[in-house]
Amino acid sequence: MLIVPINRGGAKLDMANLQSLCYPCHNRVGHRIAHEITNTWLPMI
């Protein structure tokens, strides 16, 4: 099952879009998503 972040169009109240993570895993996933967003939003010069 694919979990879609809310800021990328994921459903806020959809039970299928929830994922329970321990603190270290939450941080790892959060850093990966932040890195993807940063690389996507920077203008190509």
PDB file of N, CA and C in Angstrom:
ATOM      1  N   MET A   1       0.846  -1.177   0.000  1.00  0.00           N
ATOM      2  CA  MET A   1       0.000   0.000   0.000  1.00  0.00           C
ATOM      3  C   MET A   1       0.889   1.236   0.000  1.00  0.00           C
ATOM      4  N   LEU A   2       0.531   2.200  -0.786  1.00  0.00           N
ATOM      5  CA  LEU A   2       1.294   3.436  -0.905  1.00  0.00           C
ATOM      6  C   LEU A   2       0.714   4.500   0.014  1.00  0.00           C
ATOM      7  N   ILE A   3       1.557   5.072   0.858  1.00  0.00           N
ATOM      8  CA  ILE A   3       1.155   6.156   1.746  1.00  0.00           C
ATOM      9  C   ILE A   3       1.514   7.461   1.052  1.00  0.00           C
ATOM     10  N   VAL A   4       0.523   8.343   0.879  1.00  0.00           N
ATOM     11  CA  VAL A   4       0.732   9.622   0.202  1.00  0.00           C
ATOM     12  C   VAL A   4       0.679  10.735   1.241  1.00  0.00           C
ATOM     13  N   PRO A   5       1.762  11.532   1.372  1.00  0.00           N
ATOM     14  CA  PRO A   5       1.738  12.643   2.322  1.00  0.00           C
ATOM     15  C   PRO A   5       0.580  13.595   2.025  1.00  0.00           C
ATOM     16  N   ILE A   6       0.012  14.171   3.064  1.00  0.00           N
ATOM     17  CA  ILE A   6      -1.128  15.074   2.901  1.00  0.00           C
ATOM     18  C   ILE A   6      -0.763  16.248   2.008  1.00  0.00           C
ATOM     19  N   ASN A   7       0.449  16.784   2.160  1.00  0.00           N
ATOM     20  CA  ASN A   7       0.843  17.929   1.339  1.00  0.00           C
ATOM     21  C   ASN A   7       1.094  17.559  -0.117  1.00  0.00           C
ATOM     22  N   ARG A   8       0.993  16.273  -0.438  1.00  0.00           N
ATOM     23  CA  ARG A   8       1.114  15.818  -1.826  1.00  0.00           C
ATOM     24  C   ARG A   8      -0.198  15.221  -2.325  1.00  0.00           C
ATOM     25  N   GLY A   9      -1.286  15.540  -1.650  1.00  0.00           N
ATOM     26  CA  GLY A   9      -2.599  15.098  -2.101  1.00  0.00           C
ATOM     27  C   GLY A   9      -3.172  13.903  -1.371  1.00  0.00           C
ATOM     28  N   GLY A  10      -2.511  13.431  -0.341  1.00  0.00           N
ATOM     29  CA  GLY A  10      -3.020  12.300   0.429  1.00  0.00           C
ATOM     30  C   GLY A  10      -4.252  12.690   1.225  1.00  0.00           C
ATOM     31  N   ALA A  11      -5.142  11.739   1.394  1.00  0.00           N
ATOM     32  CA  ALA A  11      -6.382  11.988   2.126  1.00  0.00           C
ATOM     33  C   ALA A  11      -6.106  12.036   3.627  1.00  0.00           C
ATOM     34  N   LYS A  12      -6.474  13.140   4.254  1.00  0.00           N
ATOM     35  CA  LYS A  12      -6.193  13.358   5.674  1.00  0.00           C
ATOM     36  C   LYS A  12      -6.916  12.362   6.576  1.00  0.00           C
ATOM     37  N   LEU A  13      -8.129  11.985   6.238  1.00  0.00           N
ATOM     38  CA  LEU A  13      -8.934  11.122   7.106  1.00  0.00           C
ATOM     39  C   LEU A  13      -9.113   9.705   6.571  1.00  0.00           C
ATOM     40  N   ASP A  14      -8.396   9.337   5.514  1.00  0.00           N
ATOM     41  CA  ASP A  14      -8.515   8.001   4.939  1.00  0.00           C
ATOM     42  C   ASP A  14      -7.672   7.017   5.754  1.00  0.00           C
ATOM     43  N   MET A  15      -8.299   6.023   6.345  1.00  0.00           N
ATOM     44  CA  MET A  15      -7.592   5.047   7.176  1.00  0.00           C
ATOM     45  C   MET A  15      -6.531   4.287   6.375  1.00  0.00           C
ATOM     46  N   ALA A  16      -6.726   4.152   5.067  1.00  0.00           N
ATOM     47  CA  ALA A  16      -5.753   3.459   4.227  1.00  0.00           C
ATOM     48  C   ALA A  16      -4.503   4.305   4.003  1.00  0.00           C
ATOM     49  N   ASN A  17      -4.567   5.592   4.337  1.00  0.00           N
ATOM     50  CA  ASN A  17      -3.428   6.480   4.129  1.00  0.00           C
ATOM     51  C   ASN A  17      -2.683   6.763   5.442  1.00  0.00           C
ATOM     52  N   LEU A  18      -2.935   5.966   6.472  1.00  0.00           N
ATOM     53  CA  LEU A  18      -2.251   6.139   7.753  1.00  0.00           C
ATOM     54  C   LEU A  18      -1.134   5.114   7.888  1.00  0.00           C
ATOM     55  N   GLN A  19      -0.062   5.508   8.564  1.00  0.00           N
ATOM     56  CA  GLN A  19       1.058   4.604   8.788  1.00  0.00           C
ATOM     57  C   GLN A  19       1.616   4.867  10.179  1.00  0.00           C
ATOM     58  N   SER A  20       1.695   3.833  10.976  1.00  0.00           N
ATOM     59  CA  SER A  20       2.235   3.948  12.325  1.00  0.00           C
ATOM     60  C   SER A  20       3.722   3.612  12.285  1.00  0.00           C
ATOM     61  N   LEU A  21       4.553   4.539  12.779  1.00  0.00           N
ATOM     62  CA  LEU A  21       5.998   4.337  12.752  1.00  0.00           C
ATOM     63  C   LEU A  21       6.605   4.618  14.122  1.00  0.00           C
ATOM     64  N   CYS A  22       7.676   3.903  14.438  1.00  0.00           N
ATOM     65  CA  CYS A  22       8.433   4.237  15.640  1.00  0.00           C
ATOM     66  C   CYS A  22       9.178   5.546  15.369  1.00  0.00           C
ATOM     67  N   TYR A  23       9.685   6.164  16.417  1.00  0.00           N
ATOM     68  CA  TYR A  23      10.330   7.475  16.293  1.00  0.00           C
ATOM     69  C   TYR A  23      11.503   7.479  15.297  1.00  0.00           C
ATOM     70  N   PRO A  24      12.446   6.520  15.364  1.00  0.00           N
ATOM     71  CA  PRO A  24      13.554   6.528  14.402  1.00  0.00           C
ATOM     72  C   PRO A  24      13.084   6.364  12.952  1.00  0.00           C
ATOM     73  N   CYS A  25      12.101   5.497  12.728  1.00  0.00           N
ATOM     74  CA  CYS A  25      11.588   5.302  11.367  1.00  0.00           C
ATOM     75  C   CYS A  25      10.836   6.534  10.889  1.00  0.00           C
ATOM     76  N   HIS A  26      10.078   7.166  11.774  1.00  0.00           N
ATOM     77  CA  HIS A  26       9.368   8.396  11.429  1.00  0.00           C
ATOM     78  C   HIS A  26      10.365   9.466  10.969  1.00  0.00           C
ATOM     79  N   ASN A  27      11.462   9.616  11.699  1.00  0.00           N
ATOM     80  CA  ASN A  27      12.479  10.597  11.326  1.00  0.00           C
ATOM     81  C   ASN A  27      13.116  10.260   9.984  1.00  0.00           C
ATOM     82  N   ARG A  28      13.409   8.983   9.758  1.00  0.00           N
ATOM     83  CA  ARG A  28      14.027   8.572   8.495  1.00  0.00           C
ATOM     84  C   ARG A  28      13.103   8.871   7.318  1.00  0.00           C
ATOM     85  N   VAL A  29      11.835   8.520   7.441  1.00  0.00           N
ATOM     86  CA  VAL A  29      10.872   8.782   6.372  1.00  0.00           C
ATOM     87  C   VAL A  29      10.685  10.285   6.185  1.00  0.00           C
ATOM     88  N   GLY A  30      10.587  11.020   7.287  1.00  0.00           N
ATOM     89  CA  GLY A  30      10.419  12.470   7.204  1.00  0.00           C
ATOM     90  C   GLY A  30      11.581  13.151   6.509  1.00  0.00           C
ATOM     91  N   HIS A  31      12.804  12.726   6.816  1.00  0.00           N
ATOM     92  CA  HIS A  31      13.983  13.308   6.170  1.00  0.00           C
ATOM     93  C   HIS A  31      14.015  12.968   4.683  1.00  0.00           C
ATOM     94  N   ARG A  32      13.620  11.745   4.331  1.00  0.00           N
ATOM     95  CA  ARG A  32      13.605  11.348   2.919  1.00  0.00           C
ATOM     96  C   ARG A  32      12.599  12.183   2.144  1.00  0.00           C
ATOM     97  N   ILE A  33      11.406  12.360   2.708  1.00  0.00           N
ATOM     98  CA  ILE A  33      10.371  13.147   2.040  1.00  0.00           C
ATOM     99  C   ILE A  33      10.803  14.602   1.917  1.00  0.00           C
ATOM    100  N   ALA A  34      11.385  15.156   2.975  1.00  0.00           N
ATOM    101  CA  ALA A  34      11.852  16.544   2.929  1.00  0.00           C
ATOM    102  C   ALA A  34      12.925  16.708   1.857  1.00  0.00           C
ATOM    103  N   HIS A  35      13.812  15.736   1.719  1.00  0.00           N
ATOM    104  CA  HIS A  35      14.864  15.787   0.708  1.00  0.00           C
ATOM    105  C   HIS A  35      14.253  15.744  -0.696  1.00  0.00           C
ATOM    106  N   GLU A  36      13.246  14.882  -0.904  1.00  0.00           N
ATOM    107  CA  GLU A  36      12.580  14.799  -2.206  1.00  0.00           C
ATOM    108  C   GLU A  36      11.900  16.117  -2.546  1.00  0.00           C
ATOM    109  N   ILE A  37      11.208  16.709  -1.571  1.00  0.00           N
ATOM    110  CA  ILE A  37      10.504  17.967  -1.808  1.00  0.00           C
ATOM    111  C   ILE A  37      11.502  19.077  -2.117  1.00  0.00           C
ATOM    112  N   THR A  38      12.589  19.148  -1.365  1.00  0.00           N
ATOM    113  CA  THR A  38      13.601  20.182  -1.588  1.00  0.00           C
ATOM    114  C   THR A  38      14.197  20.054  -2.978  1.00  0.00           C
ATOM    115  N   ASN A  39      14.515  18.844  -3.390  1.00  0.00           N
ATOM    116  CA  ASN A  39      15.098  18.644  -4.715  1.00  0.00           C
ATOM    117  C   ASN A  39      14.101  18.936  -5.822  1.00  0.00           C
ATOM    118  N   THR A  40      12.827  18.780  -5.555  1.00  0.00           N
ATOM    119  CA  THR A  40      11.796  19.034  -6.561  1.00  0.00           C
ATOM    120  C   THR A  40      11.527  20.523  -6.705  1.00  0.00           C
ATOM    121  N   TRP A  41      11.569  21.266  -5.611  1.00  0.00           N
ATOM    122  CA  TRP A  41      11.165  22.663  -5.628  1.00  0.00           C
ATOM    123  C   TRP A  41      12.263  23.642  -6.006  1.00  0.00           C
ATOM    124  N   LEU A  42      13.526  23.225  -5.979  1.00  0.00           N
ATOM    125  CA  LEU A  42      14.601  24.150  -6.308  1.00  0.00           C
ATOM    126  C   LEU A  42      14.637  24.413  -7.810  1.00  0.00           C
ATOM    127  N   PRO A  43      14.781  25.664  -8.214  1.00  0.00           N
ATOM    128  CA  PRO A  43      14.847  25.959  -9.653  1.00  0.00           C
ATOM    129  C   PRO A  43      16.151  25.438 -10.247  1.00  0.00           C
ATOM    130  N   MET A  44      16.072  24.967 -11.456  1.00  0.00           N
ATOM    131  CA  MET A  44      17.258  24.501 -12.166  1.00  0.00           C
ATOM    132  C   MET A  44      17.955  25.707 -12.781  1.00  0.00           C
ATOM    133  N   ILE A  45      19.209  25.910 -12.420  1.00  0.00           N
ATOM    134  CA  ILE A  45      19.953  27.069 -12.939  1.00  0.00           C
ATOM    135  C   ILE A  45      21.039  26.585 -13.872  1.00  0.00           C
TER     136      ILE A  45
END
